[in-house]
């Protein structure tokens, strides 16, 4: 079983993050084209709606597979003051290092 963290589409002050399609944009940045020429999202990023909030579930294996991409996600979440939780729902200060 993989370890995951959740980046919420809410700021730490509880306001919805804009633009509302930020999750799709993030997933698209890490997507690749398959042999069938269809866009495939990274297996390490999953768009989800949790309790009515758009979220991005991040598999922490991304740290090893794409350290630069993981660092960019960490910076994005911190810069935009987005809420981060572990897979059990515990609030974290930021994405784990």
PDB file of N, CA and C in Angstrom:
ATOM      1  N   UNK A   1       0.847  -1.195   0.000  1.00  0.00           N
ATOM      2  CA  UNK A   1       0.000   0.000   0.000  1.00  0.00           C
ATOM      3  C   UNK A   1       0.880   1.243   0.000  1.00  0.00           C
ATOM      4  N   UNK A   2       0.505   2.220  -0.791  1.00  0.00           N
ATOM      5  CA  UNK A   2       1.323   3.417  -0.897  1.00  0.00           C
ATOM      6  C   UNK A   2       0.901   4.457   0.126  1.00  0.00           C
ATOM      7  N   UNK A   3       1.836   5.302   0.460  1.00  0.00           N
ATOM      8  CA  UNK A   3       1.574   6.407   1.361  1.00  0.00           C
ATOM      9  C   UNK A   3       1.166   7.613   0.522  1.00  0.00           C
ATOM     10  N   UNK A   4       0.107   8.272   0.928  1.00  0.00           N
ATOM     11  CA  UNK A   4      -0.412   9.401   0.154  1.00  0.00           C
ATOM     12  C   UNK A   4      -0.670  10.602   1.060  1.00  0.00           C
ATOM     13  N   UNK A   5      -0.639  11.774   0.453  1.00  0.00           N
ATOM     14  CA  UNK A   5      -1.060  13.001   1.118  1.00  0.00           C
ATOM     15  C   UNK A   5      -2.086  13.677   0.226  1.00  0.00           C
ATOM     16  N   UNK A   6      -2.871  14.539   0.822  1.00  0.00           N
ATOM     17  CA  UNK A   6      -3.956  15.208   0.114  1.00  0.00           C
ATOM     18  C   UNK A   6      -3.719  16.714   0.164  1.00  0.00           C
ATOM     19  N   UNK A   7      -3.682  17.324  -1.013  1.00  0.00           N
ATOM     20  CA  UNK A   7      -3.634  18.788  -1.092  1.00  0.00           C
ATOM     21  C   UNK A   7      -5.065  19.232  -1.367  1.00  0.00           C
ATOM     22  N   UNK A   8      -5.604  20.005  -0.452  1.00  0.00           N
ATOM     23  CA  UNK A   8      -6.993  20.443  -0.570  1.00  0.00           C
ATOM     24  C   UNK A   8      -7.121  21.709  -1.407  1.00  0.00           C
ATOM     25  N   UNK A   9      -8.268  21.877  -2.020  1.00  0.00           N
ATOM     26  CA  UNK A   9      -8.581  23.079  -2.780  1.00  0.00           C
ATOM     27  C   UNK A   9      -9.135  24.172  -1.896  1.00  0.00           C
ATOM     28  N   UNK A  10      -8.700  24.182  -0.651  1.00  0.00           N
ATOM     29  CA  UNK A  10      -9.058  25.233   0.303  1.00  0.00           C
ATOM     30  C   UNK A  10      -7.773  25.809   0.865  1.00  0.00           C
ATOM     31  N   UNK A  11      -7.755  27.121   1.038  1.00  0.00           N
ATOM     32  CA  UNK A  11      -6.595  27.722   1.676  1.00  0.00           C
ATOM     33  C   UNK A  11      -6.658  27.416   3.176  1.00  0.00           C
ATOM     34  N   UNK A  12      -5.566  27.655   3.854  1.00  0.00           N
ATOM     35  CA  UNK A  12      -5.523  27.403   5.301  1.00  0.00           C
ATOM     36  C   UNK A  12      -6.514  28.286   6.050  1.00  0.00           C
ATOM     37  N   UNK A  13      -6.947  29.380   5.423  1.00  0.00           N
ATOM     38  CA  UNK A  13      -7.958  30.240   6.044  1.00  0.00           C
ATOM     39  C   UNK A  13      -9.374  29.778   5.715  1.00  0.00           C
ATOM     40  N   UNK A  14      -9.493  28.680   4.926  1.00  0.00           N
ATOM     41  CA  UNK A  14     -10.798  28.098   4.638  1.00  0.00           C
ATOM     42  C   UNK A  14     -11.476  28.591   3.373  1.00  0.00           C
ATOM     43  N   UNK A  15     -10.785  29.421   2.596  1.00  0.00           N
ATOM     44  CA  UNK A  15     -11.382  29.941   1.359  1.00  0.00           C
ATOM     45  C   UNK A  15     -11.088  29.010   0.188  1.00  0.00           C
ATOM     46  N   UNK A  16     -12.060  28.863  -0.746  1.00  0.00           N
ATOM     47  CA  UNK A  16     -11.807  28.033  -1.928  1.00  0.00           C
ATOM     48  C   UNK A  16     -10.661  28.602  -2.757  1.00  0.00           C
ATOM     49  N   UNK A  17      -9.788  27.716  -3.230  1.00  0.00           N
ATOM     50  CA  UNK A  17      -8.666  28.143  -4.054  1.00  0.00           C
ATOM     51  C   UNK A  17      -9.129  28.338  -5.487  1.00  0.00           C
ATOM     52  N   UNK A  18      -8.658  29.398  -6.115  1.00  0.00           N
ATOM     53  CA  UNK A  18      -8.964  29.696  -7.508  1.00  0.00           C
ATOM     54  C   UNK A  18      -7.672  29.719  -8.295  1.00  0.00           C
ATOM     55  N   UNK A  19      -7.649  29.284  -9.530  1.00  0.00           N
ATOM     56  CA  UNK A  19      -8.791  28.867 -10.326  1.00  0.00           C
ATOM     57  C   UNK A  19      -9.305  27.502  -9.882  1.00  0.00           C
ATOM     58  N   UNK A  20     -10.586  27.281 -10.096  1.00  0.00           N
ATOM     59  CA  UNK A  20     -11.218  26.050  -9.611  1.00  0.00           C
ATOM     60  C   UNK A  20     -10.715  24.803 -10.340  1.00  0.00           C
ATOM     61  N   UNK A  21     -10.085  24.975 -11.499  1.00  0.00           N
ATOM     62  CA  UNK A  21      -9.574  23.815 -12.240  1.00  0.00           C
ATOM     63  C   UNK A  21      -8.096  23.530 -11.944  1.00  0.00           C
ATOM     64  N   UNK A  22      -7.586  24.022 -10.821  1.00  0.00           N
ATOM     65  CA  UNK A  22      -6.173  23.857 -10.490  1.00  0.00           C
ATOM     66  C   UNK A  22      -5.751  22.391 -10.441  1.00  0.00           C
ATOM     67  N   UNK A  23      -6.642  21.504  -9.974  1.00  0.00           N
ATOM     68  CA  UNK A  23      -6.302  20.082  -9.885  1.00  0.00           C
ATOM     69  C   UNK A  23      -6.059  19.519 -11.291  1.00  0.00           C
ATOM     70  N   UNK A  24      -6.937  19.852 -12.213  1.00  0.00           N
ATOM     71  CA  UNK A  24      -6.783  19.373 -13.584  1.00  0.00           C
ATOM     72  C   UNK A  24      -5.497  19.915 -14.213  1.00  0.00           C
ATOM     73  N   UNK A  25      -5.193  21.154 -13.940  1.00  0.00           N
ATOM     74  CA  UNK A  25      -3.971  21.753 -14.474  1.00  0.00           C
ATOM     75  C   UNK A  25      -2.737  21.035 -13.933  1.00  0.00           C
ATOM     76  N   UNK A  26      -2.744  20.742 -12.650  1.00  0.00           N
ATOM     77  CA  UNK A  26      -1.614  20.032 -12.043  1.00  0.00           C
ATOM     78  C   UNK A  26      -1.461  18.639 -12.645  1.00  0.00           C
ATOM     79  N   UNK A  27      -2.563  17.929 -12.739  1.00  0.00           N
ATOM     80  CA  UNK A  27      -2.509  16.575 -13.304  1.00  0.00           C
ATOM     81  C   UNK A  27      -2.028  16.611 -14.748  1.00  0.00           C
ATOM     82  N   UNK A  28      -2.430  17.619 -15.497  1.00  0.00           N
ATOM     83  CA  UNK A  28      -2.017  17.737 -16.896  1.00  0.00           C
ATOM     84  C   UNK A  28      -0.519  17.998 -17.021  1.00  0.00           C
ATOM     85  N   UNK A  29       0.050  18.741 -16.076  1.00  0.00           N
ATOM     86  CA  UNK A  29       1.482  19.022 -16.114  1.00  0.00           C
ATOM     87  C   UNK A  29       2.313  17.743 -16.007  1.00  0.00           C
ATOM     88  N   UNK A  30       1.798  16.753 -15.320  1.00  0.00           N
ATOM     89  CA  UNK A  30       2.547  15.523 -15.079  1.00  0.00           C
ATOM     90  C   UNK A  30       2.058  14.376 -15.958  1.00  0.00           C
ATOM     91  N   UNK A  31       1.193  14.685 -16.903  1.00  0.00           N
ATOM     92  CA  UNK A  31       0.635  13.661 -17.794  1.00  0.00           C
ATOM     93  C   UNK A  31       1.581  13.389 -18.960  1.00  0.00           C
ATOM     94  N   UNK A  32       1.421  12.215 -19.544  1.00  0.00           N
ATOM     95  CA  UNK A  32       2.181  11.833 -20.737  1.00  0.00           C
ATOM     96  C   UNK A  32       1.210  11.227 -21.748  1.00  0.00           C
ATOM     97  N   UNK A  33       1.651  11.131 -22.979  1.00  0.00           N
ATOM     98  CA  UNK A  33       0.839  10.489 -24.005  1.00  0.00           C
ATOM     99  C   UNK A  33       1.212   9.018 -24.085  1.00  0.00           C
ATOM    100  N   UNK A  34       0.202   8.155 -24.083  1.00  0.00           N
ATOM    101  CA  UNK A  34       0.409   6.723 -24.196  1.00  0.00           C
ATOM    102  C   UNK A  34       0.609   6.313 -25.638  1.00  0.00           C
ATOM    103  N   UNK A  35       0.864   5.024 -25.870  1.00  0.00           N
ATOM    104  CA  UNK A  35       1.064   4.527 -27.224  1.00  0.00           C
ATOM    105  C   UNK A  35      -0.155   4.734 -28.120  1.00  0.00           C
ATOM    106  N   UNK A  36      -1.315   4.872 -27.510  1.00  0.00           N
ATOM    107  CA  UNK A  36      -2.539   5.117 -28.275  1.00  0.00           C
ATOM    108  C   UNK A  36      -2.774   6.607 -28.518  1.00  0.00           C
ATOM    109  N   UNK A  37      -1.793   7.417 -28.151  1.00  0.00           N
ATOM    110  CA  UNK A  37      -1.823   8.871 -28.314  1.00  0.00           C
ATOM    111  C   UNK A  37      -2.868   9.559 -27.451  1.00  0.00           C
ATOM    112  N   UNK A  38      -3.304   8.889 -26.407  1.00  0.00           N
ATOM    113  CA  UNK A  38      -4.235   9.493 -25.451  1.00  0.00           C
ATOM    114  C   UNK A  38      -3.450   9.964 -24.236  1.00  0.00           C
ATOM    115  N   UNK A  39      -3.902  11.065 -23.677  1.00  0.00           N
ATOM    116  CA  UNK A  39      -3.256  11.636 -22.507  1.00  0.00           C
ATOM    117  C   UNK A  39      -3.508  10.751 -21.288  1.00  0.00           C
ATOM    118  N   UNK A  40      -2.454  10.447 -20.576  1.00  0.00           N
ATOM    119  CA  UNK A  40      -2.545   9.609 -19.374  1.00  0.00           C
ATOM    120  C   UNK A  40      -2.015  10.400 -18.180  1.00  0.00           C
ATOM    121  N   UNK A  41      -2.860  10.529 -17.152  1.00  0.00           N
ATOM    122  CA  UNK A  41      -2.403  11.179 -15.923  1.00  0.00           C
ATOM    123  C   UNK A  41      -1.335  10.328 -15.259  1.00  0.00           C
ATOM    124  N   UNK A  42      -0.475  10.983 -14.525  1.00  0.00           N
ATOM    125  CA  UNK A  42       0.544  10.284 -13.751  1.00  0.00           C
ATOM    126  C   UNK A  42      -0.143   9.391 -12.720  1.00  0.00           C
ATOM    127  N   UNK A  43       0.388   8.199 -12.491  1.00  0.00           N
ATOM    128  CA  UNK A  43      -0.200   7.340 -11.458  1.00  0.00           C
ATOM    129  C   UNK A  43       0.053   7.883 -10.043  1.00  0.00           C
ATOM    130  N   UNK A  44       0.877   8.922  -9.931  1.00  0.00           N
ATOM    131  CA  UNK A  44       1.216   9.483  -8.625  1.00  0.00           C
ATOM    132  C   UNK A  44       0.343  10.660  -8.217  1.00  0.00           C
ATOM    133  N   UNK A  45      -0.523  11.120  -9.127  1.00  0.00           N
ATOM    134  CA  UNK A  45      -1.427  12.235  -8.838  1.00  0.00           C
ATOM    135  C   UNK A  45      -2.839  11.827  -9.203  1.00  0.00           C
ATOM    136  N   UNK A  46      -3.764  12.000  -8.257  1.00  0.00           N
ATOM    137  CA  UNK A  46      -5.146  11.602  -8.518  1.00  0.00           C
ATOM    138  C   UNK A  46      -6.080  12.737  -8.139  1.00  0.00           C
ATOM    139  N   UNK A  47      -6.872  13.229  -9.095  1.00  0.00           N
ATOM    140  CA  UNK A  47      -7.878  14.238  -8.750  1.00  0.00           C
ATOM    141  C   UNK A  47      -9.008  13.574  -7.963  1.00  0.00           C
ATOM    142  N   UNK A  48      -9.454  14.225  -6.929  1.00  0.00           N
ATOM    143  CA  UNK A  48     -10.540  13.692  -6.108  1.00  0.00           C
ATOM    144  C   UNK A  48     -11.402  14.844  -5.604  1.00  0.00           C
ATOM    145  N   UNK A  49     -12.638  14.510  -5.279  1.00  0.00           N
ATOM    146  CA  UNK A  49     -13.506  15.432  -4.549  1.00  0.00           C
ATOM    147  C   UNK A  49     -13.733  14.771  -3.196  1.00  0.00           C
ATOM    148  N   UNK A  50     -13.308  15.442  -2.143  1.00  0.00           N
ATOM    149  CA  UNK A  50     -13.421  14.905  -0.786  1.00  0.00           C
ATOM    150  C   UNK A  50     -14.238  15.895   0.035  1.00  0.00           C
ATOM    151  N   UNK A  51     -15.360  15.436   0.544  1.00  0.00           N
ATOM    152  CA  UNK A  51     -16.278  16.299   1.306  1.00  0.00           C
ATOM    153  C   UNK A  51     -16.641  17.562   0.521  1.00  0.00           C
ATOM    154  N   UNK A  52     -16.853  17.398  -0.782  1.00  0.00           N
ATOM    155  CA  UNK A  52     -17.267  18.509  -1.632  1.00  0.00           C
ATOM    156  C   UNK A  52     -16.148  19.446  -2.051  1.00  0.00           C
ATOM    157  N   UNK A  53     -14.904  19.123  -1.703  1.00  0.00           N
ATOM    158  CA  UNK A  53     -13.759  19.982  -2.016  1.00  0.00           C
ATOM    159  C   UNK A  53     -12.866  19.279  -3.031  1.00  0.00           C
ATOM    160  N   UNK A  54     -12.516  20.012  -4.106  1.00  0.00           N
ATOM    161  CA  UNK A  54     -11.578  19.443  -5.089  1.00  0.00           C
ATOM    162  C   UNK A  54     -10.212  19.318  -4.439  1.00  0.00           C
ATOM    163  N   UNK A  55      -9.622  18.141  -4.571  1.00  0.00           N
ATOM    164  CA  UNK A  55      -8.342  17.847  -3.937  1.00  0.00           C
ATOM    165  C   UNK A  55      -7.428  17.130  -4.917  1.00  0.00           C
ATOM    166  N   UNK A  56      -6.157  17.117  -4.588  1.00  0.00           N
ATOM    167  CA  UNK A  56      -5.170  16.372  -5.338  1.00  0.00           C
ATOM    168  C   UNK A  56      -4.519  15.384  -4.381  1.00  0.00           C
ATOM    169  N   UNK A  57      -4.690  14.100  -4.661  1.00  0.00           N
ATOM    170  CA  UNK A  57      -4.068  13.060  -3.845  1.00  0.00           C
ATOM    171  C   UNK A  57      -2.710  12.761  -4.468  1.00  0.00           C
ATOM    172  N   UNK A  58      -1.667  12.876  -3.656  1.00  0.00           N
ATOM    173  CA  UNK A  58      -0.295  12.716  -4.128  1.00  0.00           C
ATOM    174  C   UNK A  58       0.310  11.464  -3.506  1.00  0.00           C
ATOM    175  N   UNK A  59       0.714  10.535  -4.356  1.00  0.00           N
ATOM    176  CA  UNK A  59       1.430   9.347  -3.897  1.00  0.00           C
ATOM    177  C   UNK A  59       2.860   9.787  -3.588  1.00  0.00           C
ATOM    178  N   UNK A  60       3.325   9.525  -2.366  1.00  0.00           N
ATOM    179  CA  UNK A  60       4.639  10.000  -1.961  1.00  0.00           C
ATOM    180  C   UNK A  60       5.789   9.312  -2.698  1.00  0.00           C
ATOM    181  N   UNK A  61       5.491   8.307  -3.498  1.00  0.00           N
ATOM    182  CA  UNK A  61       6.529   7.713  -4.354  1.00  0.00           C
ATOM    183  C   UNK A  61       7.022   8.737  -5.370  1.00  0.00           C
ATOM    184  N   UNK A  62       6.224   9.779  -5.606  1.00  0.00           N
ATOM    185  CA  UNK A  62       6.616  10.834  -6.539  1.00  0.00           C
ATOM    186  C   UNK A  62       7.934  11.473  -6.107  1.00  0.00           C
ATOM    187  N   UNK A  63       8.200  11.519  -4.801  1.00  0.00           N
ATOM    188  CA  UNK A  63       9.467  12.093  -4.307  1.00  0.00           C
ATOM    189  C   UNK A  63      10.671  11.386  -4.909  1.00  0.00           C
ATOM    190  N   UNK A  64      10.564  10.069  -5.061  1.00  0.00           N
ATOM    191  CA  UNK A  64      11.675   9.284  -5.603  1.00  0.00           C
ATOM    192  C   UNK A  64      11.687   9.310  -7.125  1.00  0.00           C
ATOM    193  N   UNK A  65      10.505   9.181  -7.726  1.00  0.00           N
ATOM    194  CA  UNK A  65      10.386   9.073  -9.180  1.00  0.00           C
ATOM    195  C   UNK A  65      10.653  10.414  -9.873  1.00  0.00           C
ATOM    196  N   UNK A  66      10.170  11.498  -9.271  1.00  0.00           N
ATOM    197  CA  UNK A  66      10.301  12.826  -9.876  1.00  0.00           C
ATOM    198  C   UNK A  66      10.526  13.854  -8.764  1.00  0.00           C
ATOM    199  N   UNK A  67      11.743  13.892  -8.199  1.00  0.00           N
ATOM    200  CA  UNK A  67      12.004  14.812  -7.082  1.00  0.00           C
ATOM    201  C   UNK A  67      11.731  16.279  -7.421  1.00  0.00           C
ATOM    202  N   UNK A  68      12.065  16.682  -8.642  1.00  0.00           N
ATOM    203  CA  UNK A  68      11.835  18.070  -9.037  1.00  0.00           C
ATOM    204  C   UNK A  68      10.338  18.375  -9.094  1.00  0.00           C
ATOM    205  N   UNK A  69       9.565  17.458  -9.656  1.00  0.00           N
ATOM    206  CA  UNK A  69       8.115  17.637  -9.718  1.00  0.00           C
ATOM    207  C   UNK A  69       7.496  17.686  -8.332  1.00  0.00           C
ATOM    208  N   UNK A  70       7.984  16.825  -7.443  1.00  0.00           N
ATOM    209  CA  UNK A  70       7.480  16.819  -6.069  1.00  0.00           C
ATOM    210  C   UNK A  70       7.798  18.150  -5.393  1.00  0.00           C
ATOM    211  N   UNK A  71       9.010  18.646  -5.600  1.00  0.00           N
ATOM    212  CA  UNK A  71       9.403  19.930  -5.007  1.00  0.00           C
ATOM    213  C   UNK A  71       8.513  21.054  -5.536  1.00  0.00           C
ATOM    214  N   UNK A  72       8.159  20.995  -6.820  1.00  0.00           N
ATOM    215  CA  UNK A  72       7.276  22.010  -7.391  1.00  0.00           C
ATOM    216  C   UNK A  72       5.885  21.952  -6.761  1.00  0.00           C
ATOM    217  N   UNK A  73       5.366  20.743  -6.553  1.00  0.00           N
ATOM    218  CA  UNK A  73       4.057  20.606  -5.889  1.00  0.00           C
ATOM    219  C   UNK A  73       4.107  21.149  -4.465  1.00  0.00           C
ATOM    220  N   UNK A  74       5.176  20.828  -3.763  1.00  0.00           N
ATOM    221  CA  UNK A  74       5.351  21.303  -2.381  1.00  0.00           C
ATOM    222  C   UNK A  74       5.371  22.829  -2.359  1.00  0.00           C
ATOM    223  N   UNK A  75       6.133  23.420  -3.279  1.00  0.00           N
ATOM    224  CA  UNK A  75       6.217  24.878  -3.361  1.00  0.00           C
ATOM    225  C   UNK A  75       4.848  25.480  -3.701  1.00  0.00           C
ATOM    226  N   UNK A  76       4.143  24.880  -4.658  1.00  0.00           N
ATOM    227  CA  UNK A  76       2.819  25.356  -5.057  1.00  0.00           C
ATOM    228  C   UNK A  76       1.864  25.372  -3.860  1.00  0.00           C
ATOM    229  N   UNK A  77       1.829  24.278  -3.107  1.00  0.00           N
ATOM    230  CA  UNK A  77       0.928  24.185  -1.953  1.00  0.00           C
ATOM    231  C   UNK A  77       1.293  25.216  -0.890  1.00  0.00           C
ATOM    232  N   UNK A  78       2.584  25.383  -0.644  1.00  0.00           N
ATOM    233  CA  UNK A  78       3.020  26.345   0.373  1.00  0.00           C
ATOM    234  C   UNK A  78       2.758  27.779  -0.070  1.00  0.00           C
ATOM    235  N   UNK A  79       3.107  28.080  -1.314  1.00  0.00           N
ATOM    236  CA  UNK A  79       2.941  29.443  -1.831  1.00  0.00           C
ATOM    237  C   UNK A  79       1.479  29.886  -1.823  1.00  0.00           C
ATOM    238  N   UNK A  80       0.584  28.945  -2.097  1.00  0.00           N
ATOM    239  CA  UNK A  80      -0.841  29.258  -2.162  1.00  0.00           C
ATOM    240  C   UNK A  80      -1.591  28.959  -0.868  1.00  0.00           C
ATOM    241  N   UNK A  81      -0.832  28.615   0.174  1.00  0.00           N
ATOM    242  CA  UNK A  81      -1.404  28.370   1.502  1.00  0.00           C
ATOM    243  C   UNK A  81      -2.516  27.320   1.474  1.00  0.00           C
ATOM    244  N   UNK A  82      -2.305  26.247   0.689  1.00  0.00           N
ATOM    245  CA  UNK A  82      -3.313  25.196   0.578  1.00  0.00           C
ATOM    246  C   UNK A  82      -3.211  24.230   1.752  1.00  0.00           C
ATOM    247  N   UNK A  83      -4.361  23.739   2.164  1.00  0.00           N
ATOM    248  CA  UNK A  83      -4.393  22.756   3.230  1.00  0.00           C
ATOM    249  C   UNK A  83      -3.825  21.427   2.761  1.00  0.00           C
ATOM    250  N   UNK A  84      -3.070  20.775   3.633  1.00  0.00           N
ATOM    251  CA  UNK A  84      -2.473  19.477   3.337  1.00  0.00           C
ATOM    252  C   UNK A  84      -2.811  18.530   4.480  1.00  0.00           C
ATOM    253  N   UNK A  85      -3.231  17.313   4.113  1.00  0.00           N
ATOM    254  CA  UNK A  85      -3.562  16.294   5.109  1.00  0.00           C
ATOM    255  C   UNK A  85      -2.897  14.983   4.733  1.00  0.00           C
ATOM    256  N   UNK A  86      -2.680  14.149   5.732  1.00  0.00           N
ATOM    257  CA  UNK A  86      -2.205  12.806   5.409  1.00  0.00           C
ATOM    258  C   UNK A  86      -3.407  11.950   5.038  1.00  0.00           C
ATOM    259  N   UNK A  87      -3.178  10.712   4.676  1.00  0.00           N
ATOM    260  CA  UNK A  87      -4.269   9.854   4.199  1.00  0.00           C
ATOM    261  C   UNK A  87      -5.295   9.541   5.284  1.00  0.00           C
ATOM    262  N   UNK A  88      -4.954   9.786   6.544  1.00  0.00           N
ATOM    263  CA  UNK A  88      -5.889   9.570   7.644  1.00  0.00           C
ATOM    264  C   UNK A  88      -6.695  10.827   7.973  1.00  0.00           C
ATOM    265  N   UNK A  89      -6.375  11.949   7.282  1.00  0.00           N
ATOM    266  CA  UNK A  89      -7.108  13.187   7.516  1.00  0.00           C
ATOM    267  C   UNK A  89      -6.454  14.127   8.512  1.00  0.00           C
ATOM    268  N   UNK A  90      -5.281  13.775   8.994  1.00  0.00           N
ATOM    269  CA  UNK A  90      -4.573  14.640   9.925  1.00  0.00           C
ATOM    270  C   UNK A  90      -3.957  15.816   9.178  1.00  0.00           C
ATOM    271  N   UNK A  91      -4.185  17.023   9.675  1.00  0.00           N
ATOM    272  CA  UNK A  91      -3.663  18.237   9.043  1.00  0.00           C
ATOM    273  C   UNK A  91      -2.145  18.275   9.199  1.00  0.00           C
ATOM    274  N   UNK A  92      -1.462  18.579   8.088  1.00  0.00           N
ATOM    275  CA  UNK A  92       0.002  18.723   8.077  1.00  0.00           C
ATOM    276  C   UNK A  92       0.368  20.171   7.788  1.00  0.00           C
ATOM    277  N   UNK A  93       1.547  20.594   8.201  1.00  0.00           N
ATOM    278  CA  UNK A  93       2.005  21.951   7.896  1.00  0.00           C
ATOM    279  C   UNK A  93       2.275  22.129   6.420  1.00  0.00           C
ATOM    280  N   UNK A  94       2.820  21.079   5.782  1.00  0.00           N
ATOM    281  CA  UNK A  94       3.130  21.107   4.355  1.00  0.00           C
ATOM    282  C   UNK A  94       3.354  19.676   3.884  1.00  0.00           C
ATOM    283  N   UNK A  95       3.632  19.522   2.595  1.00  0.00           N
ATOM    284  CA  UNK A  95       3.966  18.189   2.081  1.00  0.00           C
ATOM    285  C   UNK A  95       5.245  17.717   2.778  1.00  0.00           C
ATOM    286  N   UNK A  96       5.327  16.435   3.109  1.00  0.00           N
ATOM    287  CA  UNK A  96       6.536  15.925   3.767  1.00  0.00           C
ATOM    288  C   UNK A  96       7.756  16.104   2.880  1.00  0.00           C
ATOM    289  N   UNK A  97       8.894  16.299   3.517  1.00  0.00           N
ATOM    290  CA  UNK A  97      10.155  16.470   2.794  1.00  0.00           C
ATOM    291  C   UNK A  97      10.718  15.112   2.420  1.00  0.00           C
TER     292      UNK A  97
END
